[in-house]
Amino acid sequence: KQWYQRRVRVSRSLQPPFGREVFDRILLDPPCSAMGQRPQLVNTLTFSEVSSYPSYQWCFVADAVKMLKPGGVLVYSTCTLPKQENELIVAKVLESFPEMKLVPAVPLVGRPGIPGAGLSEEQARMVQRFVPGDGVDPDLDTIGFFIAKFMKCDQ
């Protein structure tokens, strides 16, 4: 917990070096628990550490939305599998920022998001979730990761 408190204190004391609405496109790959990485022979993260990532990721997302111009595109991506770092972050973006619209992350290659994890069925089909060894496509050998794409509409 101490490492997380230090990290959050440092990140909150630093403001982004950019102003509001300056970027047309943002690719956001925030720090995550990396539970989609493989092989993972040893994982020393504690439950408390893993549980801390969503609030840390939210700091990045909130800043990215502020820096995105109206009409701009934000792609949120992680290399992890927990819904708390993926679908629930997407749901929180949609709830907290009415100007953000979820759009399909095309081409659609991965699986849809987890049903009932804060997103409607339609919204879950717009995000992509890649799970190693899920057997959907034997030619698709990948680490676990997640992709969501948003467009910022005029307010």
C-alpha atoms as a PDB file:
ATOM      1  CA  LYS A   1       0.000   0.000   0.000  1.00  0.00           C
ATOM      2  CA  GLN A   2       2.863   2.349   0.761  1.00  0.00           C
ATOM      3  CA  TRP A   3       4.259   2.146  -2.797  1.00  0.00           C
ATOM      4  CA  TYR A   4       0.799   2.963  -4.169  1.00  0.00           C
ATOM      5  CA  GLN A   5       0.297   5.959  -1.866  1.00  0.00           C
ATOM      6  CA  ARG A   6       3.697   7.305  -2.876  1.00  0.00           C
ATOM      7  CA  ARG A   7       2.883   6.827  -6.561  1.00  0.00           C
ATOM      8  CA  VAL A   8      -0.536   8.498  -6.320  1.00  0.00           C
ATOM      9  CA  ARG A   9       0.874  11.396  -4.295  1.00  0.00           C
ATOM     10  CA  VAL A  10       3.566  11.965  -6.930  1.00  0.00           C
ATOM     11  CA  SER A  11       1.162  11.612  -9.865  1.00  0.00           C
ATOM     12  CA  ARG A  12      -1.403  13.989  -8.368  1.00  0.00           C
ATOM     13  CA  SER A  13       1.234  16.584  -7.597  1.00  0.00           C
ATOM     14  CA  LEU A  14       2.352  16.597 -11.227  1.00  0.00           C
ATOM     15  CA  GLN A  15       0.032  18.190 -13.713  1.00  0.00           C
ATOM     16  CA  PRO A  16       0.120  17.163 -17.375  1.00  0.00           C
ATOM     17  CA  PRO A  17       2.471  19.397 -19.347  1.00  0.00           C
ATOM     18  CA  PHE A  18      -0.304  20.075 -21.858  1.00  0.00           C
ATOM     19  CA  GLY A  19      -3.401  22.234 -21.690  1.00  0.00           C
ATOM     20  CA  ARG A  20      -7.024  21.360 -22.277  1.00  0.00           C
ATOM     21  CA  GLU A  21      -8.264  20.164 -25.651  1.00  0.00           C
ATOM     22  CA  VAL A  22      -4.904  20.087 -27.435  1.00  0.00           C
ATOM     23  CA  PHE A  23      -4.839  16.576 -28.965  1.00  0.00           C
ATOM     24  CA  ASP A  24      -6.802  15.124 -31.877  1.00  0.00           C
ATOM     25  CA  ARG A  25      -5.883  11.553 -30.926  1.00  0.00           C
ATOM     26  CA  ILE A  26      -4.665   9.926 -27.725  1.00  0.00           C
ATOM     27  CA  LEU A  27      -3.520   6.334 -27.306  1.00  0.00           C
ATOM     28  CA  LEU A  28      -3.680   5.656 -23.577  1.00  0.00           C
ATOM     29  CA  ASP A  29      -1.910   2.562 -22.288  1.00  0.00           C
ATOM     30  CA  PRO A  30      -1.878   3.254 -18.528  1.00  0.00           C
ATOM     31  CA  PRO A  31       0.080   1.218 -15.987  1.00  0.00           C
ATOM     32  CA  CYS A  32      -1.828  -1.975 -15.240  1.00  0.00           C
ATOM     33  CA  SER A  33      -1.539  -5.247 -13.354  1.00  0.00           C
ATOM     34  CA  ALA A  34      -0.253  -6.934 -16.561  1.00  0.00           C
ATOM     35  CA  MET A  35      -2.284 -10.078 -15.896  1.00  0.00           C
ATOM     36  CA  GLY A  36      -2.508 -10.678 -19.627  1.00  0.00           C
ATOM     37  CA  GLN A  37       1.245 -11.118 -20.003  1.00  0.00           C
ATOM     38  CA  ARG A  38       2.611 -14.587 -20.525  1.00  0.00           C
ATOM     39  CA  PRO A  39       4.350 -16.657 -19.589  1.00  0.00           C
ATOM     40  CA  GLN A  40       3.890 -15.633 -15.992  1.00  0.00           C
ATOM     41  CA  LEU A  41       5.690 -18.217 -13.946  1.00  0.00           C
ATOM     42  CA  VAL A  42       5.720 -16.030 -10.846  1.00  0.00           C
ATOM     43  CA  ASN A  43       3.480 -13.121  -9.986  1.00  0.00           C
ATOM     44  CA  THR A  44       4.308 -11.330  -6.760  1.00  0.00           C
ATOM     45  CA  LEU A  45       1.479  -8.780  -6.853  1.00  0.00           C
ATOM     46  CA  THR A  46      -0.745  -8.814  -3.797  1.00  0.00           C
ATOM     47  CA  PHE A  47      -4.520  -8.441  -3.945  1.00  0.00           C
ATOM     48  CA  SER A  48      -4.144  -4.956  -2.490  1.00  0.00           C
ATOM     49  CA  GLU A  49      -1.693  -3.945  -5.217  1.00  0.00           C
ATOM     50  CA  VAL A  50      -3.889  -5.329  -8.003  1.00  0.00           C
ATOM     51  CA  SER A  51      -6.914  -3.581  -6.485  1.00  0.00           C
ATOM     52  CA  SER A  52      -5.094  -0.245  -6.561  1.00  0.00           C
ATOM     53  CA  TYR A  53      -4.655  -0.099 -10.334  1.00  0.00           C
ATOM     54  CA  PRO A  54      -8.154   1.065 -11.388  1.00  0.00           C
ATOM     55  CA  SER A  55      -8.003   4.274  -9.345  1.00  0.00           C
ATOM     56  CA  TYR A  56      -4.496   4.949 -10.634  1.00  0.00           C
ATOM     57  CA  GLN A  57      -5.647   4.319 -14.225  1.00  0.00           C
ATOM     58  CA  TRP A  58      -8.587   6.644 -13.689  1.00  0.00           C
ATOM     59  CA  CYS A  59      -6.183   9.541 -13.059  1.00  0.00           C
ATOM     60  CA  PHE A  60      -4.689   8.956 -16.524  1.00  0.00           C
ATOM     61  CA  VAL A  61      -8.098   8.606 -18.197  1.00  0.00           C
ATOM     62  CA  ALA A  62      -9.522  11.765 -16.638  1.00  0.00           C
ATOM     63  CA  ASP A  63      -6.483  13.783 -17.749  1.00  0.00           C
ATOM     64  CA  ALA A  64      -6.643  12.290 -21.258  1.00  0.00           C
ATOM     65  CA  VAL A  65     -10.307  13.285 -21.658  1.00  0.00           C
ATOM     66  CA  LYS A  66      -9.465  16.859 -20.654  1.00  0.00           C
ATOM     67  CA  MET A  67      -6.602  17.039 -23.153  1.00  0.00           C
ATOM     68  CA  LEU A  68      -8.679  15.619 -26.048  1.00  0.00           C
ATOM     69  CA  LYS A  69     -10.202  18.070 -28.534  1.00  0.00           C
ATOM     70  CA  PRO A  70     -13.906  17.807 -29.421  1.00  0.00           C
ATOM     71  CA  GLY A  71     -14.124  15.372 -32.337  1.00  0.00           C
ATOM     72  CA  GLY A  72     -10.950  13.681 -31.115  1.00  0.00           C
ATOM     73  CA  VAL A  73     -10.385   9.981 -30.543  1.00  0.00           C
ATOM     74  CA  LEU A  74      -9.186   8.298 -27.358  1.00  0.00           C
ATOM     75  CA  VAL A  75      -8.086   4.661 -27.476  1.00  0.00           C
ATOM     76  CA  TYR A  76      -7.808   3.011 -24.059  1.00  0.00           C
ATOM     77  CA  SER A  77      -5.760  -0.162 -23.956  1.00  0.00           C
ATOM     78  CA  THR A  78      -4.359  -2.438 -21.259  1.00  0.00           C
ATOM     79  CA  CYS A  79      -2.397  -5.691 -21.225  1.00  0.00           C
ATOM     80  CA  THR A  80      -4.499  -7.107 -18.412  1.00  0.00           C
ATOM     81  CA  LEU A  81      -7.717  -9.070 -17.968  1.00  0.00           C
ATOM     82  CA  PRO A  82      -9.619  -7.924 -14.824  1.00  0.00           C
ATOM     83  CA  LYS A  83     -12.886  -6.156 -15.632  1.00  0.00           C
ATOM     84  CA  GLN A  84     -12.040  -3.543 -12.972  1.00  0.00           C
ATOM     85  CA  GLU A  85      -9.197  -2.296 -15.186  1.00  0.00           C
ATOM     86  CA  ASN A  86     -11.144  -2.605 -18.427  1.00  0.00           C
ATOM     87  CA  GLU A  87     -14.935  -2.665 -18.782  1.00  0.00           C
ATOM     88  CA  LEU A  88     -15.562  -0.884 -15.486  1.00  0.00           C
ATOM     89  CA  ILE A  89     -13.158   1.929 -16.474  1.00  0.00           C
ATOM     90  CA  VAL A  90     -15.021   2.273 -19.787  1.00  0.00           C
ATOM     91  CA  ALA A  91     -18.352   2.406 -17.951  1.00  0.00           C
ATOM     92  CA  LYS A  92     -16.987   5.077 -15.609  1.00  0.00           C
ATOM     93  CA  VAL A  93     -15.799   7.177 -18.580  1.00  0.00           C
ATOM     94  CA  LEU A  94     -19.276   7.039 -20.103  1.00  0.00           C
ATOM     95  CA  GLU A  95     -20.908   7.906 -16.779  1.00  0.00           C
ATOM     96  CA  SER A  96     -18.488  10.691 -15.807  1.00  0.00           C
ATOM     97  CA  PHE A  97     -17.972  12.352 -19.174  1.00  0.00           C
ATOM     98  CA  PRO A  98     -21.229  12.645 -21.156  1.00  0.00           C
ATOM     99  CA  GLU A  99     -19.272  14.130 -24.054  1.00  0.00           C
ATOM    100  CA  MET A 100     -17.427  10.816 -24.520  1.00  0.00           C
ATOM    101  CA  LYS A 101     -19.067   8.331 -26.872  1.00  0.00           C
ATOM    102  CA  LEU A 102     -17.966   4.705 -27.141  1.00  0.00           C
ATOM    103  CA  VAL A 103     -17.420   3.696 -30.773  1.00  0.00           C
ATOM    104  CA  PRO A 104     -16.488   0.313 -32.269  1.00  0.00           C
ATOM    105  CA  ALA A 105     -12.758  -0.411 -32.128  1.00  0.00           C
ATOM    106  CA  VAL A 106     -12.470  -1.707 -35.684  1.00  0.00           C
ATOM    107  CA  PRO A 107     -11.386  -4.017 -37.093  1.00  0.00           C
ATOM    108  CA  LEU A 108     -13.123  -6.308 -34.635  1.00  0.00           C
ATOM    109  CA  VAL A 109     -10.717  -9.188 -34.074  1.00  0.00           C
ATOM    110  CA  GLY A 110     -11.019  -9.937 -30.361  1.00  0.00           C
ATOM    111  CA  ARG A 111     -13.911 -11.062 -28.240  1.00  0.00           C
ATOM    112  CA  PRO A 112     -16.514  -8.595 -26.964  1.00  0.00           C
ATOM    113  CA  GLY A 113     -16.306  -7.224 -23.432  1.00  0.00           C
ATOM    114  CA  ILE A 114     -17.615  -9.107 -20.412  1.00  0.00           C
ATOM    115  CA  PRO A 115     -21.434  -8.987 -20.342  1.00  0.00           C
ATOM    116  CA  GLY A 116     -22.849  -7.316 -17.244  1.00  0.00           C
ATOM    117  CA  ALA A 117     -19.560  -5.653 -16.297  1.00  0.00           C
ATOM    118  CA  GLY A 118     -20.914  -2.105 -16.388  1.00  0.00           C
ATOM    119  CA  LEU A 119     -21.608  -2.043 -20.126  1.00  0.00           C
ATOM    120  CA  SER A 120     -24.746  -2.780 -22.128  1.00  0.00           C
ATOM    121  CA  GLU A 121     -24.608  -5.669 -24.597  1.00  0.00           C
ATOM    122  CA  GLU A 122     -24.226  -3.179 -27.442  1.00  0.00           C
ATOM    123  CA  GLN A 123     -21.368  -1.402 -25.654  1.00  0.00           C
ATOM    124  CA  ALA A 124     -19.688  -4.723 -24.813  1.00  0.00           C
ATOM    125  CA  ARG A 125     -19.640  -5.530 -28.558  1.00  0.00           C
ATOM    126  CA  MET A 126     -17.788  -2.259 -29.256  1.00  0.00           C
ATOM    127  CA  VAL A 127     -14.785  -3.086 -27.068  1.00  0.00           C
ATOM    128  CA  GLN A 128     -12.312  -5.892 -27.671  1.00  0.00           C
ATOM    129  CA  ARG A 129     -10.925  -8.386 -25.211  1.00  0.00           C
ATOM    130  CA  PHE A 130      -8.115 -10.771 -26.111  1.00  0.00           C
ATOM    131  CA  VAL A 131      -7.663 -13.802 -23.856  1.00  0.00           C
ATOM    132  CA  PRO A 132      -4.633 -16.069 -24.382  1.00  0.00           C
ATOM    133  CA  GLY A 133      -5.511 -19.588 -25.435  1.00  0.00           C
ATOM    134  CA  ASP A 134      -9.279 -19.044 -25.546  1.00  0.00           C
ATOM    135  CA  GLY A 135      -9.537 -21.268 -28.634  1.00  0.00           C
ATOM    136  CA  VAL A 136     -11.655 -18.818 -30.645  1.00  0.00           C
ATOM    137  CA  ASP A 137      -9.089 -18.489 -33.425  1.00  0.00           C
ATOM    138  CA  PRO A 138      -6.133 -20.895 -33.415  1.00  0.00           C
ATOM    139  CA  ASP A 139      -4.182 -18.474 -35.631  1.00  0.00           C
ATOM    140  CA  LEU A 140      -4.587 -15.683 -33.085  1.00  0.00           C
ATOM    141  CA  ASP A 141      -1.920 -16.390 -30.496  1.00  0.00           C
ATOM    142  CA  THR A 142      -1.691 -13.308 -28.334  1.00  0.00           C
ATOM    143  CA  ILE A 143      -1.198 -12.005 -24.850  1.00  0.00           C
ATOM    144  CA  GLY A 144      -4.284 -10.921 -22.950  1.00  0.00           C
ATOM    145  CA  PHE A 145      -5.284  -7.329 -23.557  1.00  0.00           C
ATOM    146  CA  PHE A 146      -8.213  -4.973 -23.937  1.00  0.00           C
ATOM    147  CA  ILE A 147      -9.125  -2.128 -26.311  1.00  0.00           C
ATOM    148  CA  ALA A 148     -11.845   0.529 -26.145  1.00  0.00           C
ATOM    149  CA  LYS A 149     -12.264   3.483 -28.488  1.00  0.00           C
ATOM    150  CA  PHE A 150     -14.026   6.738 -27.642  1.00  0.00           C
ATOM    151  CA  MET A 151     -14.887   9.867 -29.568  1.00  0.00           C
ATOM    152  CA  LYS A 152     -15.266  13.202 -27.813  1.00  0.00           C
ATOM    153  CA  CYS A 153     -18.399  14.965 -29.018  1.00  0.00           C
ATOM    154  CA  ASP A 154     -19.059  18.687 -28.845  1.00  0.00           C
ATOM    155  CA  GLN A 155     -20.576  19.575 -25.492  1.00  0.00           C
END
